[in-house]
Every structure is written in structure tokens, then in C-alpha cells.
Amino acid sequence: MATITIKNIPDDLYAQLKDVAEANRRSINSEVIICIERRLATHKPNPNDIVQKARRLRKMTAAHPISEHVIEDAINAGRP
């Protein structure tokens, strides 16, 4: 398994982490792993949210279509 060293943890944050670890009867290391796992698990995008966001963006940009010519010009801008 990999090892991580975390430096310069603010004292109040460390105290909170220590209190939570004690309340959950875990070591500070185990509590940090749980916190990371929970954070990464909530970071997974929801496909329905992505679709809704795409629909909102399409509505916002519907009045401003971009042609293939405009895209090509933007890509080639600044090229010799």
C-alpha cells in the first residue's frame, strides 16, 4: 500500500480529526482514510446531472450557433 505524509495541518483541523477518530474508535490514520474514501465516493458525477447541465447549456447557447467555419478559424488563429 502507498504512504502519504501530510504536512502543515492546522492545529484546529487536527484536533477535530482527532476528536472524530476517537468518537468512532479509530486511529487518526484510519479516520483520514475514511474521510478520503467518502469524499471521493461523493465526487462521482451523476449521469442525470450531466444531462441536465448539457440541456441548460444548449438552451443558453441556442441563439448563438457556431459554424464549422468559425471553429476552424478559431483553431487556426495564431498559427503561422
C-alpha atoms as a PDB file:
ATOM      1  CA  MET A   1       0.000   0.000   0.000  1.00  0.00           C
ATOM      2  CA  ALA A   2       1.053   3.571  -0.603  1.00  0.00           C
ATOM      3  CA  THR A   3       2.021   6.021   2.123  1.00  0.00           C
ATOM      4  CA  ILE A   4       1.121   9.709   2.291  1.00  0.00           C
ATOM      5  CA  THR A   5       2.680  12.323   4.536  1.00  0.00           C
ATOM      6  CA  ILE A   6       0.543  15.382   5.207  1.00  0.00           C
ATOM      7  CA  LYS A   7       2.386  18.454   6.407  1.00  0.00           C
ATOM      8  CA  ASN A   8       1.258  21.714   7.974  1.00  0.00           C
ATOM      9  CA  ILE A   9      -2.161  20.568   9.162  1.00  0.00           C
ATOM     10  CA  PRO A  10      -3.717  23.454  11.094  1.00  0.00           C
ATOM     11  CA  ASP A  11      -3.937  22.677  14.813  1.00  0.00           C
ATOM     12  CA  ASP A  12      -7.722  23.137  14.952  1.00  0.00           C
ATOM     13  CA  LEU A  13      -8.241  20.793  11.992  1.00  0.00           C
ATOM     14  CA  TYR A  14      -6.004  18.170  13.591  1.00  0.00           C
ATOM     15  CA  ALA A  15      -7.921  18.489  16.856  1.00  0.00           C
ATOM     16  CA  GLN A  16     -11.232  17.966  15.018  1.00  0.00           C
ATOM     17  CA  LEU A  17      -9.826  14.947  13.213  1.00  0.00           C
ATOM     18  CA  LYS A  18      -8.536  13.501  16.462  1.00  0.00           C
ATOM     19  CA  ASP A  19     -11.912  14.026  18.180  1.00  0.00           C
ATOM     20  CA  VAL A  20     -13.822  12.380  15.328  1.00  0.00           C
ATOM     21  CA  ALA A  21     -11.385   9.462  15.244  1.00  0.00           C
ATOM     22  CA  GLU A  22     -11.777   8.928  18.978  1.00  0.00           C
ATOM     23  CA  ALA A  23     -15.571   9.135  18.738  1.00  0.00           C
ATOM     24  CA  ASN A  24     -15.515   6.493  16.006  1.00  0.00           C
ATOM     25  CA  ARG A  25     -12.968   4.364  17.887  1.00  0.00           C
ATOM     26  CA  ARG A  26     -10.494   4.616  15.018  1.00  0.00           C
ATOM     27  CA  SER A  27      -6.910   5.712  14.693  1.00  0.00           C
ATOM     28  CA  ILE A  28      -6.257   9.092  13.116  1.00  0.00           C
ATOM     29  CA  ASN A  29      -4.814   7.277  10.095  1.00  0.00           C
ATOM     30  CA  SER A  30      -7.973   5.180   9.688  1.00  0.00           C
ATOM     31  CA  GLU A  31     -10.148   8.262  10.074  1.00  0.00           C
ATOM     32  CA  VAL A  32      -8.192  10.065   7.346  1.00  0.00           C
ATOM     33  CA  ILE A  33      -8.668   7.086   5.010  1.00  0.00           C
ATOM     34  CA  ILE A  34     -12.416   7.068   5.734  1.00  0.00           C
ATOM     35  CA  CYS A  35     -12.618  10.823   5.052  1.00  0.00           C
ATOM     36  CA  ILE A  36     -10.799  10.429   1.741  1.00  0.00           C
ATOM     37  CA  GLU A  37     -12.959   7.455   0.696  1.00  0.00           C
ATOM     38  CA  ARG A  38     -16.155   9.353   1.489  1.00  0.00           C
ATOM     39  CA  ARG A  39     -15.013  12.446  -0.377  1.00  0.00           C
ATOM     40  CA  LEU A  40     -14.003  10.521  -3.468  1.00  0.00           C
ATOM     41  CA  ALA A  41     -17.218   8.489  -3.422  1.00  0.00           C
ATOM     42  CA  THR A  42     -19.295  11.678  -3.485  1.00  0.00           C
ATOM     43  CA  HIS A  43     -17.210  13.063  -6.334  1.00  0.00           C
ATOM     44  CA  LYS A  44     -18.599  10.580  -8.889  1.00  0.00           C
ATOM     45  CA  PRO A  45     -20.709  12.526 -11.364  1.00  0.00           C
ATOM     46  CA  ASN A  46     -24.351  11.601 -11.626  1.00  0.00           C
ATOM     47  CA  PRO A  47     -25.233  10.948 -15.292  1.00  0.00           C
ATOM     48  CA  ASN A  48     -28.627  12.650 -14.880  1.00  0.00           C
ATOM     49  CA  ASP A  49     -26.931  15.776 -13.537  1.00  0.00           C
ATOM     50  CA  ILE A  50     -24.597  15.835 -16.528  1.00  0.00           C
ATOM     51  CA  VAL A  51     -27.527  15.533 -18.953  1.00  0.00           C
ATOM     52  CA  GLN A  52     -29.437  18.313 -17.206  1.00  0.00           C
ATOM     53  CA  LYS A  53     -26.392  20.582 -17.279  1.00  0.00           C
ATOM     54  CA  ALA A  54     -25.898  19.883 -21.004  1.00  0.00           C
ATOM     55  CA  ARG A  55     -29.538  20.738 -21.675  1.00  0.00           C
ATOM     56  CA  ARG A  56     -29.223  24.026 -19.779  1.00  0.00           C
ATOM     57  CA  LEU A  57     -26.090  24.923 -21.730  1.00  0.00           C
ATOM     58  CA  ARG A  58     -27.779  24.104 -25.033  1.00  0.00           C
ATOM     59  CA  LYS A  59     -30.686  26.391 -24.148  1.00  0.00           C
ATOM     60  CA  MET A  60     -28.296  29.185 -23.195  1.00  0.00           C
ATOM     61  CA  THR A  61     -26.336  28.930 -26.446  1.00  0.00           C
ATOM     62  CA  ALA A  62     -29.177  28.080 -28.858  1.00  0.00           C
ATOM     63  CA  ALA A  63     -29.406  31.689 -30.068  1.00  0.00           C
ATOM     64  CA  HIS A  64     -25.668  31.766 -30.822  1.00  0.00           C
ATOM     65  CA  PRO A  65     -24.896  28.939 -33.260  1.00  0.00           C
ATOM     66  CA  ILE A  66     -21.293  28.443 -34.266  1.00  0.00           C
ATOM     67  CA  SER A  67     -20.495  27.288 -37.777  1.00  0.00           C
ATOM     68  CA  GLU A  68     -17.752  24.900 -38.739  1.00  0.00           C
ATOM     69  CA  HIS A  69     -16.006  27.838 -40.448  1.00  0.00           C
ATOM     70  CA  VAL A  70     -15.908  29.811 -37.176  1.00  0.00           C
ATOM     71  CA  ILE A  71     -14.493  26.797 -35.337  1.00  0.00           C
ATOM     72  CA  GLU A  72     -11.797  26.278 -37.971  1.00  0.00           C
ATOM     73  CA  ASP A  73     -10.862  29.970 -37.808  1.00  0.00           C
ATOM     74  CA  ALA A  74     -10.540  29.745 -34.015  1.00  0.00           C
ATOM     75  CA  ILE A  75      -8.378  26.640 -34.261  1.00  0.00           C
ATOM     76  CA  ASN A  76      -6.130  28.226 -36.864  1.00  0.00           C
ATOM     77  CA  ALA A  77      -5.888  31.605 -35.153  1.00  0.00           C
ATOM     78  CA  GLY A  78      -2.297  32.441 -34.380  1.00  0.00           C
ATOM     79  CA  ARG A  79      -0.843  29.618 -36.457  1.00  0.00           C
ATOM     80  CA  PRO A  80       1.858  30.592 -38.968  1.00  0.00           C
END
